[in-house]
Amino acid sequence: MMHNLLEQLTSLLSEEQIVTSEEALYDASADRYKKYAKTKNVLDVPSPLAIVYPQSSEEVKTLLMFCNENNINVIPRSGKTGTEGGLENWKETSIVIDGSKMNEIIKMDTYNMQATVQSGVKLQTLEDELRKLGYTTGHSPQSKPVAQFGGLVSTRSIGQFSTLYGAIEDMVVGLECVFPEGQVSKIKNVPRRSGGPDIRHIAIGNEGALCYITEVTVKIFKYMPENNSFHGYLIKDVETGIKVLREVMVNGYRPSVARVYSEEDARQHFEHFYKDHCVLIFTTEGPKGIVEATNTGIEEAVEKFESGIVEKVDSSLIETWFNNLNWDESRIEREVQDMIDHNSHDGFTTEVSADWETIPKLYNNVIERIKNEFDRADELTMLGGHSSHSYLNGTNMYFVYNYTINCAPEDEMRVYHHPIHEIIIEETLKMGGSMCHHHGIGKYRSEWTKEEHGSAYYMLEKLKEAFDPKGIMNHGTIFPQPSEVKKYIRS
């Protein structure tokens, strides 16, 4: 079967566009979600049969039609920075279609304030080119140096400056995508229209489960780093920080970064100054007048809740932290090596969202439940969280937990991560929040997709039936597959 498949793929593309090395296929069988098991060479999922590198939307069309006709599962890949199992393979007969060779910056249009790129363009690449012209994408997730636009859009990515610039769905103007039956759809670039439902959102956030994104147009912004300012405060508790964030947002101010960290989470980010307290930080950027007004708004909000403020932090300390947020491939390698050397997992997160009233209650409920109900709580080396993306009507909460691994590598997720993950999701859904603020559903939250959407799941389900009737697109992602959940998560 493998031989026949490779012969057919080679007839469609070229031999150089197809990779079948054992090492590459093993790496492609799972994303960062199972990085510990992957490094220990004990992944429990099948490897794909091949990784294919198309160079155009026409080649993507050809590949998808071939896979649709032959019932071959397709895992769309672009950047490899997924964290929720969206790139994990749950099918024996699968191929990975990697968009990284579609890497042309098509146009940077500074008059109309937008840029068009192929899906394999790295975010950092576009950002570097725009900076030369005095512009920015405004999008800066930690994965910025390696993330590619196809993956960013398909997972509804968010960046560290989202409070000012918005998330990726706020930045996307138009796009091109390919469906499994061969339809290439191009959504034109206009500032707004009232032409029926916003069909961009069929592709945005589809996680490769409906279509393959091949081209993206995003807004761009003027870049004025000379006006940046930084604010930091030690505060008594998370609730105080949430109140200050809310005050700033509901008064109409938009700092680029607005965050509050619990004591435990602050320790691993701000050990040099946190003094066993929670930390509240803001950064502001943009035109000088707007920055000055936002700075005043922040100071007024802090003053309003001064009973919860311990002390102000030197702004240079916040600036230094801010300039070292992003990770690159070498940092990923160091992180993996550290896991191997110390049999520990640092930095696992589950990010959720809810309204202002709910978030502090949710945070306290989750922390209490994990401490009391997780049977390996004594093996946690850190349990805390931070809010990092705020809106007029609410905010998010990143729950962060580190632990020492005292089990077989292949059991790590089942023994440690999943029970904690489940408590967080249960509490969030019970309180009316969203279980997935921006990392997506992937495969490891799919068992709660129906509960997340409730009666609206009907709409999501119909999209799958309409656009992927044979179910060849990223099997198990977003749309629940109970048998595989039992096999790969619950077993």
Protein backbone atom coordinates (compact mmCIF):
# COMPACT_ATOMS: atom_id res chain seq x y z
CA MET A 1 0.00 0.00 0.00
CA MET A 2 2.82 2.37 0.93
CA HIS A 3 4.59 1.66 -2.35
CA ASN A 4 1.43 2.27 -4.39
CA LEU A 5 0.67 5.48 -2.50
CA LEU A 6 4.15 6.86 -3.08
CA GLU A 7 3.99 6.02 -6.78
CA GLN A 8 0.70 7.87 -7.10
CA LEU A 9 1.90 10.88 -5.09
CA THR A 10 5.06 11.08 -7.21
CA SER A 11 2.93 11.09 -10.35
CA LEU A 12 0.97 14.04 -8.93
CA LEU A 13 3.95 16.12 -7.76
CA SER A 14 7.65 15.27 -7.78
CA GLU A 15 9.82 12.93 -5.79
CA GLU A 16 11.57 15.89 -4.13
CA GLN A 17 8.25 17.08 -2.65
CA ILE A 18 7.62 13.83 -0.79
CA VAL A 19 9.38 12.84 2.44
CA THR A 20 9.20 9.32 3.86
CA SER A 21 12.17 9.05 6.19
CA GLU A 22 11.35 7.19 9.38
CA GLU A 23 12.63 10.03 11.55
CA ALA A 24 10.55 12.67 9.78
CA LEU A 25 7.38 10.56 9.86
CA TYR A 26 7.81 9.86 13.56
CA ASP A 27 8.21 13.56 14.26
CA ALA A 28 5.11 14.28 12.16
CA SER A 29 2.93 11.83 14.07
CA ALA A 30 2.33 14.24 17.00
CA ASP A 31 2.79 17.90 17.87
CA ARG A 32 4.12 19.61 21.01
CA TYR A 33 1.27 18.17 23.08
CA LYS A 34 3.17 14.89 23.50
CA LYS A 35 6.70 16.26 23.34
CA TYR A 36 7.93 14.26 26.36
CA ALA A 37 6.74 10.92 24.98
CA LYS A 38 8.09 11.90 21.57
CA THR A 39 11.57 12.62 22.94
CA LYS A 40 11.53 9.29 24.77
CA ASN A 41 10.59 7.50 21.52
CA VAL A 42 7.40 5.99 22.94
CA LEU A 43 4.62 7.71 20.98
CA ASP A 44 1.54 5.51 20.88
CA VAL A 45 0.02 6.82 17.62
CA PRO A 46 0.60 5.63 14.04
CA SER A 47 3.03 7.51 11.84
CA PRO A 48 1.71 9.08 8.64
CA LEU A 49 2.66 7.41 5.38
CA ALA A 50 4.28 10.52 3.90
CA ILE A 51 4.84 14.26 4.28
CA VAL A 52 4.07 16.18 1.11
CA TYR A 53 5.21 19.73 0.34
CA PRO A 54 2.98 21.46 -2.24
CA GLN A 55 4.18 24.70 -3.81
CA SER A 56 0.86 26.19 -4.92
CA SER A 57 -2.85 26.14 -4.24
CA GLU A 58 -3.29 24.09 -7.43
CA GLU A 59 -1.03 21.38 -6.01
CA VAL A 60 -2.98 21.48 -2.73
CA LYS A 61 -6.16 21.04 -4.77
CA THR A 62 -4.68 18.05 -6.60
CA LEU A 63 -3.57 16.43 -3.34
CA LEU A 64 -6.87 16.94 -1.55
CA MET A 65 -8.88 15.55 -4.45
CA PHE A 66 -6.60 12.49 -4.57
CA CYS A 67 -6.96 11.91 -0.83
CA ASN A 68 -10.71 12.45 -0.94
CA GLU A 69 -11.09 9.94 -3.76
CA ASN A 70 -8.93 7.36 -1.96
CA ASN A 71 -10.16 7.97 1.63
CA ILE A 72 -6.75 9.07 2.89
CA ASN A 73 -6.74 11.18 6.03
CA VAL A 74 -5.06 14.58 5.61
CA ILE A 75 -3.24 16.44 8.38
CA PRO A 76 -2.66 20.04 7.25
CA ARG A 77 0.55 21.44 8.74
CA SER A 78 2.10 24.89 8.68
CA GLY A 79 4.65 25.92 11.29
CA LYS A 80 4.46 22.86 13.60
CA THR A 81 3.77 24.95 16.73
CA GLY A 82 0.40 23.38 17.65
CA THR A 83 -0.11 22.52 21.32
CA GLU A 84 -3.46 20.67 21.51
CA GLY A 85 -2.86 17.56 19.42
CA GLY A 86 -4.22 19.06 16.22
CA LEU A 87 -1.23 17.64 14.32
CA GLU A 88 -1.40 14.23 15.99
CA ASN A 89 -2.24 11.29 13.74
CA TRP A 90 -5.10 8.97 14.71
CA LYS A 91 -5.45 7.14 11.38
CA GLU A 92 -3.33 4.33 9.90
CA THR A 93 -3.67 5.79 6.40
CA SER A 94 -2.70 9.46 6.60
CA ILE A 95 -0.48 11.96 4.89
CA VAL A 96 0.74 15.31 6.18
CA ILE A 97 0.41 18.21 3.74
CA ASP A 98 2.99 20.77 4.84
CA GLY A 99 2.59 24.30 3.48
CA SER A 100 6.03 25.63 4.37
CA LYS A 101 7.20 25.68 0.71
CA MET A 102 4.40 28.12 -0.14
CA ASN A 103 6.41 30.94 1.38
CA GLU A 104 6.07 33.99 -0.87
CA ILE A 105 5.21 37.45 0.45
CA ILE A 106 2.86 38.42 -2.37
CA LYS A 107 2.32 42.09 -1.55
CA MET A 108 2.92 44.63 1.21
CA ASP A 109 0.43 47.42 0.58
CA THR A 110 1.26 50.26 2.98
CA TYR A 111 -1.28 52.64 1.47
CA ASN A 112 -4.21 50.28 2.00
CA MET A 113 -2.63 48.98 5.21
CA GLN A 114 -2.61 45.27 4.39
CA ALA A 115 -0.21 42.51 3.38
CA THR A 116 -0.87 39.34 1.40
CA VAL A 117 1.21 36.19 1.93
CA GLN A 118 1.16 32.51 1.09
CA SER A 119 0.32 30.26 4.02
CA GLY A 120 3.89 29.07 4.59
CA VAL A 121 5.33 32.53 5.24
CA LYS A 122 6.70 32.80 8.76
CA LEU A 123 5.19 35.54 10.87
CA GLN A 124 8.68 36.78 11.80
CA THR A 125 9.63 37.00 8.13
CA LEU A 126 6.74 39.30 7.29
CA GLU A 127 7.26 41.28 10.48
CA ASP A 128 10.93 41.87 9.65
CA GLU A 129 10.08 43.11 6.16
CA LEU A 130 7.34 45.40 7.45
CA ARG A 131 9.60 46.85 10.15
CA LYS A 132 11.99 48.02 7.42
CA LEU A 133 9.12 50.15 6.11
CA GLY A 134 7.97 51.37 9.54
CA TYR A 135 5.02 48.98 9.92
CA THR A 136 4.08 45.94 11.97
CA THR A 137 1.62 43.06 11.84
CA GLY A 138 0.68 43.75 15.46
CA HIS A 139 0.62 39.97 15.90
CA SER A 140 3.17 38.50 18.31
CA PRO A 141 2.52 35.06 19.81
CA GLN A 142 5.50 33.47 21.57
CA SER A 143 5.85 31.21 18.54
CA LYS A 144 6.40 34.25 16.30
CA PRO A 145 9.88 33.25 15.05
CA VAL A 146 8.65 29.90 13.67
CA ALA A 147 4.85 30.11 13.28
CA GLN A 148 3.45 30.35 9.74
CA PHE A 149 0.33 32.14 8.56
CA GLY A 150 -1.64 29.06 7.55
CA GLY A 151 -1.32 27.64 11.05
CA LEU A 152 -1.92 30.99 12.74
CA VAL A 153 -5.20 31.55 10.92
CA SER A 154 -6.44 27.97 11.09
CA THR A 155 -6.03 27.86 14.89
CA ARG A 156 -7.42 31.37 15.64
CA SER A 157 -4.07 32.44 17.02
CA ILE A 158 -3.67 35.35 19.38
CA GLY A 159 -0.62 37.49 20.06
CA GLN A 160 0.82 39.16 23.12
CA PHE A 161 -0.40 42.59 21.95
CA SER A 162 -3.99 41.47 21.34
CA THR A 163 -5.56 43.93 23.77
CA LEU A 164 -4.56 46.69 21.34
CA TYR A 165 -4.41 45.04 17.92
CA GLY A 166 -6.88 42.18 18.32
CA ALA A 167 -6.48 38.47 17.61
CA ILE A 168 -5.80 36.94 14.19
CA GLU A 169 -9.52 36.91 13.30
CA ASP A 170 -9.57 40.70 13.77
CA MET A 171 -6.58 41.06 11.44
CA VAL A 172 -7.60 38.78 8.56
CA VAL A 173 -8.99 40.77 5.63
CA GLY A 174 -9.39 37.98 3.08
CA LEU A 175 -7.98 34.54 2.32
CA GLU A 176 -7.80 31.63 -0.08
CA CYS A 177 -8.60 28.06 0.93
CA VAL A 178 -9.05 24.67 -0.71
CA PHE A 179 -11.75 22.13 0.17
CA PRO A 180 -11.35 18.33 -0.10
CA GLU A 181 -13.56 18.01 -3.18
CA GLY A 182 -11.27 20.42 -5.04
CA GLN A 183 -13.05 23.74 -4.67
CA VAL A 184 -10.62 26.66 -4.39
CA SER A 185 -12.37 29.58 -2.67
CA LYS A 186 -10.91 33.08 -2.55
CA ILE A 187 -12.47 35.61 -0.21
CA LYS A 188 -11.77 39.12 -1.51
CA ASN A 189 -10.03 41.84 0.45
CA VAL A 190 -12.46 44.53 1.56
CA PRO A 191 -12.64 46.49 4.85
CA ARG A 192 -16.18 45.28 5.60
CA ARG A 193 -19.28 44.04 3.85
CA SER A 194 -22.85 43.01 4.61
CA GLY A 195 -23.04 40.17 2.12
CA GLY A 196 -24.55 37.47 4.27
CA PRO A 197 -22.73 35.55 7.03
CA ASP A 198 -19.03 36.29 7.36
CA ILE A 199 -17.68 33.33 5.41
CA ARG A 200 -14.08 34.08 6.39
CA HIS A 201 -14.87 32.28 9.62
CA ILE A 202 -15.50 28.97 7.90
CA ALA A 203 -11.75 28.87 7.31
CA ILE A 204 -10.49 30.91 10.28
CA GLY A 205 -10.17 28.50 13.19
CA ASN A 206 -11.09 25.38 11.22
CA GLU A 207 -7.84 23.68 12.41
CA GLY A 208 -7.51 21.83 9.12
CA ALA A 209 -10.74 19.93 9.76
CA LEU A 210 -12.69 21.61 6.93
CA CYS A 211 -10.23 23.08 4.43
CA TYR A 212 -6.60 23.96 3.71
CA ILE A 213 -5.65 27.65 3.88
CA THR A 214 -3.22 28.63 1.10
CA GLU A 215 -3.14 32.45 1.15
CA VAL A 216 -3.92 35.16 3.71
CA THR A 217 -4.29 38.94 3.67
CA VAL A 218 -3.90 40.70 7.02
CA LYS A 219 -4.07 44.28 8.25
CA ILE A 220 -0.85 46.09 9.07
CA PHE A 221 -0.20 48.96 11.47
CA LYS A 222 2.27 51.81 11.84
CA TYR A 223 5.19 50.92 14.09
CA MET A 224 6.23 53.56 16.65
CA PRO A 225 8.49 51.91 19.25
CA GLU A 226 9.85 55.28 20.38
CA ASN A 227 6.55 55.83 22.22
CA ASN A 228 6.47 52.48 24.09
CA SER A 229 6.09 52.61 27.86
CA PHE A 230 6.07 49.94 30.57
CA HIS A 231 4.26 49.63 33.90
CA GLY A 232 4.63 47.04 36.64
CA TYR A 233 3.12 46.60 40.11
CA LEU A 234 3.29 44.07 42.91
CA ILE A 235 -0.25 43.37 44.10
CA LYS A 236 -1.92 41.44 46.90
CA ASP A 237 -3.98 38.96 44.91
CA VAL A 238 -5.25 37.93 41.48
CA GLU A 239 -8.66 39.47 42.11
CA THR A 240 -7.13 42.93 42.58
CA GLY A 241 -5.32 42.57 39.27
CA ILE A 242 -8.50 41.51 37.48
CA LYS A 243 -10.30 44.57 38.87
CA VAL A 244 -7.58 46.90 37.59
CA LEU A 245 -7.61 45.22 34.15
CA ARG A 246 -11.38 45.65 34.00
CA GLU A 247 -11.20 49.31 35.01
CA VAL A 248 -8.73 50.06 32.22
CA MET A 249 -10.74 48.20 29.58
CA VAL A 250 -14.24 49.46 30.41
CA ASN A 251 -12.94 53.03 30.46
CA GLY A 252 -11.99 52.59 26.82
CA TYR A 253 -8.20 52.31 27.05
CA ARG A 254 -6.30 49.75 25.01
CA PRO A 255 -2.80 48.97 26.28
CA SER A 256 -0.91 46.57 24.04
CA VAL A 257 -0.18 44.23 26.97
CA ALA A 258 -2.32 43.92 30.10
CA ARG A 259 -1.53 41.01 32.42
CA VAL A 260 -1.89 39.80 35.99
CA TYR A 261 0.11 36.84 37.37
CA SER A 262 -0.53 34.75 40.44
CA GLU A 263 2.32 34.48 42.96
CA GLU A 264 3.28 31.01 41.72
CA ASP A 265 3.30 31.96 38.05
CA ALA A 266 5.08 35.24 38.80
CA ARG A 267 7.90 33.29 40.43
CA GLN A 268 8.91 31.67 37.16
CA HIS A 269 8.71 34.92 35.17
CA PHE A 270 9.74 37.62 37.63
CA GLU A 271 11.78 35.87 40.30
CA HIS A 272 14.20 38.81 40.45
CA PHE A 273 11.54 41.23 41.72
CA TYR A 274 8.18 39.59 42.55
CA LYS A 275 8.87 39.28 46.33
CA ASP A 276 6.25 36.52 46.79
CA HIS A 277 3.48 38.73 45.39
CA CYS A 278 1.19 38.70 42.38
CA VAL A 279 2.38 40.88 39.50
CA LEU A 280 0.38 43.31 37.36
CA ILE A 281 1.94 44.63 34.14
CA PHE A 282 0.98 46.91 31.26
CA THR A 283 2.71 48.11 28.11
CA THR A 284 1.42 50.87 25.89
CA GLU A 285 2.33 51.74 22.31
CA GLY A 286 1.18 53.73 19.29
CA PRO A 287 0.90 57.47 18.64
CA LYS A 288 2.34 59.61 21.41
CA GLY A 289 -0.99 61.20 22.39
CA ILE A 290 -2.76 57.86 22.65
CA VAL A 291 0.09 56.37 24.69
CA GLU A 292 0.04 59.31 27.11
CA ALA A 293 -3.72 59.06 27.55
CA THR A 294 -3.52 55.29 28.10
CA ASN A 295 -0.73 55.72 30.65
CA THR A 296 -2.95 58.16 32.56
CA GLY A 297 -5.85 55.70 32.41
CA ILE A 298 -3.67 52.93 33.85
CA GLU A 299 -2.44 55.15 36.67
CA GLU A 300 -6.00 56.16 37.52
CA ALA A 301 -7.16 52.52 37.58
CA VAL A 302 -4.27 51.52 39.85
CA GLU A 303 -5.02 54.44 42.18
CA LYS A 304 -8.67 53.40 42.41
CA PHE A 305 -7.64 50.00 43.81
CA GLU A 306 -4.57 51.19 45.71
CA SER A 307 -5.53 49.13 48.78
CA GLY A 308 -4.54 46.04 46.78
CA ILE A 309 -1.31 47.53 45.40
CA VAL A 310 1.89 46.69 47.28
CA GLU A 311 4.44 48.70 45.30
CA LYS A 312 5.37 49.95 41.85
CA VAL A 313 8.07 48.09 39.89
CA ASP A 314 10.91 49.77 38.01
CA SER A 315 9.72 50.00 34.40
CA SER A 316 13.09 48.84 33.06
CA LEU A 317 12.49 45.42 34.65
CA ILE A 318 9.22 45.07 32.74
CA GLU A 319 10.88 46.19 29.51
CA THR A 320 13.62 43.56 29.90
CA TRP A 321 11.03 40.82 30.48
CA PHE A 322 9.00 42.05 27.52
CA ASN A 323 12.00 41.89 25.17
CA ASN A 324 12.66 38.22 25.97
CA LEU A 325 9.20 36.70 25.66
CA ASN A 326 9.38 34.84 22.36
CA TRP A 327 10.86 31.41 21.83
CA ASP A 328 12.59 30.02 18.77
CA GLU A 329 13.71 26.60 17.58
CA SER A 330 16.81 26.60 19.79
CA ARG A 331 14.70 27.42 22.84
CA ILE A 332 12.36 24.54 22.00
CA GLU A 333 15.35 22.20 21.77
CA ARG A 334 16.63 23.36 25.17
CA GLU A 335 13.19 22.85 26.70
CA VAL A 336 12.99 19.31 25.35
CA GLN A 337 16.49 18.48 26.54
CA ASP A 338 15.65 19.77 30.00
CA MET A 339 12.61 17.46 30.11
CA ILE A 340 14.81 14.50 29.20
CA ASP A 341 17.47 15.36 31.74
CA HIS A 342 15.14 16.05 34.67
CA ASN A 343 12.00 14.00 33.87
CA SER A 344 9.87 17.06 34.47
CA HIS A 345 7.37 19.08 32.52
CA ASP A 346 7.42 22.87 32.84
CA GLY A 347 4.95 25.28 31.31
CA PHE A 348 1.92 23.15 30.55
CA THR A 349 -1.15 25.36 30.20
CA THR A 350 -4.89 25.25 29.76
CA GLU A 351 -6.28 28.62 28.68
CA VAL A 352 -9.94 29.55 29.07
CA SER A 353 -12.07 32.70 29.00
CA ALA A 354 -15.08 34.14 30.81
CA ASP A 355 -16.64 37.44 31.83
CA TRP A 356 -15.15 39.74 34.46
CA GLU A 357 -17.38 38.50 37.26
CA THR A 358 -16.62 34.85 36.59
CA ILE A 359 -12.84 34.81 36.06
CA PRO A 360 -11.69 35.34 39.69
CA LYS A 361 -14.23 32.80 40.97
CA LEU A 362 -13.18 30.35 38.29
CA TYR A 363 -9.51 30.78 39.14
CA ASN A 364 -10.09 30.11 42.84
CA ASN A 365 -12.39 27.13 42.20
CA VAL A 366 -9.93 25.47 39.82
CA ILE A 367 -6.90 25.91 42.09
CA GLU A 368 -8.83 24.51 45.06
CA ARG A 369 -10.14 21.52 43.12
CA ILE A 370 -6.72 20.59 41.72
CA LYS A 371 -5.12 20.78 45.17
CA ASN A 372 -7.88 18.67 46.73
CA GLU A 373 -8.85 16.24 43.96
CA PHE A 374 -5.79 15.60 41.80
CA ASP A 375 -4.26 12.50 43.35
CA ARG A 376 -0.70 13.52 42.45
CA ALA A 377 -0.95 17.11 43.64
CA ASP A 378 2.15 16.60 45.78
CA GLU A 379 4.16 16.08 42.56
CA LEU A 380 3.22 19.50 41.19
CA THR A 381 6.18 21.85 41.27
CA MET A 382 4.05 24.86 40.31
CA LEU A 383 0.33 25.61 40.08
CA GLY A 384 -0.91 29.06 39.21
CA GLY A 385 -2.09 31.22 36.35
CA HIS A 386 -2.22 34.54 34.61
CA SER A 387 -4.64 36.67 32.63
CA SER A 388 -3.08 38.01 29.45
CA HIS A 389 -5.81 38.93 26.93
CA SER A 390 -8.58 41.30 27.97
CA TYR A 391 -11.73 42.62 26.33
CA LEU A 392 -14.52 45.04 27.12
CA ASN A 393 -16.66 42.28 28.63
CA GLY A 394 -14.13 39.85 30.11
CA THR A 395 -10.71 38.30 30.00
CA ASN A 396 -8.85 35.01 29.71
CA MET A 397 -7.08 32.87 32.27
CA TYR A 398 -4.02 30.76 31.56
CA PHE A 399 -3.77 27.99 34.13
CA VAL A 400 -0.11 26.94 34.32
CA TYR A 401 1.16 23.79 36.00
CA ASN A 402 4.55 22.09 36.21
CA TYR A 403 5.24 18.65 37.60
CA THR A 404 7.84 15.96 38.12
CA ILE A 405 7.12 12.90 35.98
CA ASN A 406 7.03 9.70 38.02
CA CYS A 407 5.48 7.33 35.51
CA ALA A 408 6.27 5.72 32.18
CA PRO A 409 6.78 8.42 29.50
CA GLU A 410 3.87 7.14 27.43
CA ASP A 411 1.53 7.58 30.43
CA GLU A 412 2.48 11.16 31.27
CA MET A 413 -0.55 12.84 29.65
CA ARG A 414 -3.04 10.37 31.10
CA VAL A 415 -1.55 10.45 34.61
CA TYR A 416 -0.75 14.16 34.96
CA HIS A 417 -1.94 16.57 32.33
CA HIS A 418 -5.34 15.19 31.42
CA PRO A 419 -6.80 15.02 34.97
CA ILE A 420 -5.76 18.64 35.58
CA HIS A 421 -6.96 19.68 32.12
CA GLU A 422 -10.32 18.02 32.81
CA ILE A 423 -10.86 19.85 36.12
CA ILE A 424 -10.16 23.20 34.46
CA ILE A 425 -12.49 22.50 31.55
CA GLU A 426 -15.28 21.16 33.78
CA GLU A 427 -15.21 24.22 36.02
CA THR A 428 -15.05 26.60 33.05
CA LEU A 429 -17.99 25.05 31.22
CA LYS A 430 -20.00 24.79 34.43
CA MET A 431 -19.57 28.53 34.98
CA GLY A 432 -20.46 29.49 31.41
CA GLY A 433 -16.96 30.26 30.09
CA SER A 434 -15.12 28.92 27.05
CA MET A 435 -12.78 25.95 27.46
CA CYS A 436 -10.50 27.15 24.64
CA HIS A 437 -9.53 30.80 24.50
CA HIS A 438 -6.91 30.59 21.75
CA HIS A 439 -4.96 27.33 21.52
CA GLY A 440 -7.87 25.68 19.75
CA ILE A 441 -9.65 22.39 20.38
CA GLY A 442 -7.24 20.08 18.59
CA LYS A 443 -7.82 16.46 19.55
CA TYR A 444 -7.31 16.79 23.29
CA ARG A 445 -10.32 19.01 23.95
CA SER A 446 -12.56 17.44 21.31
CA GLU A 447 -14.41 15.28 23.82
CA TRP A 448 -15.93 18.52 25.17
CA THR A 449 -16.70 20.19 21.82
CA LYS A 450 -20.43 19.47 22.04
CA GLU A 451 -20.62 20.81 25.57
CA GLU A 452 -18.63 23.90 24.57
CA HIS A 453 -21.10 24.78 21.83
CA GLY A 454 -24.34 23.40 23.26
CA SER A 455 -27.27 23.72 20.85
CA ALA A 456 -25.02 25.63 18.42
CA TYR A 457 -23.00 22.45 17.80
CA TYR A 458 -25.62 21.72 15.13
CA MET A 459 -24.14 24.54 13.05
CA LEU A 460 -20.59 23.25 13.43
CA GLU A 461 -21.61 19.69 12.62
CA LYS A 462 -23.37 20.79 9.43
CA LEU A 463 -20.22 22.56 8.24
CA LYS A 464 -18.30 19.27 8.52
CA GLU A 465 -21.02 17.40 6.63
CA ALA A 466 -21.10 20.01 3.89
CA PHE A 467 -17.42 20.70 3.31
CA ASP A 468 -15.83 17.36 4.24
CA PRO A 469 -18.51 14.72 3.61
CA LYS A 470 -16.01 11.84 3.53
CA GLY A 471 -14.30 13.01 6.72
CA ILE A 472 -10.75 13.04 5.34
CA MET A 473 -9.68 16.33 6.91
CA ASN A 474 -7.68 15.97 10.12
CA HIS A 475 -9.65 13.13 11.67
CA GLY A 476 -10.31 13.65 15.38
CA THR A 477 -9.63 17.39 15.45
CA ILE A 478 -12.50 19.57 16.76
CA PHE A 479 -15.11 16.92 15.98
CA PRO A 480 -15.23 14.22 18.71
CA GLN A 481 -14.23 10.64 17.95
CA PRO A 482 -15.14 8.63 21.09
CA SER A 483 -13.26 5.45 20.14
CA GLU A 484 -9.98 7.27 19.54
CA VAL A 485 -10.44 9.44 22.64
CA LYS A 486 -10.76 6.23 24.65
CA LYS A 487 -7.74 4.69 22.93
CA TYR A 488 -5.30 7.61 22.94
CA ILE A 489 -6.43 9.72 25.90
CA ARG A 490 -8.40 7.66 28.40
CA SER A 491 -6.71 4.25 28.11
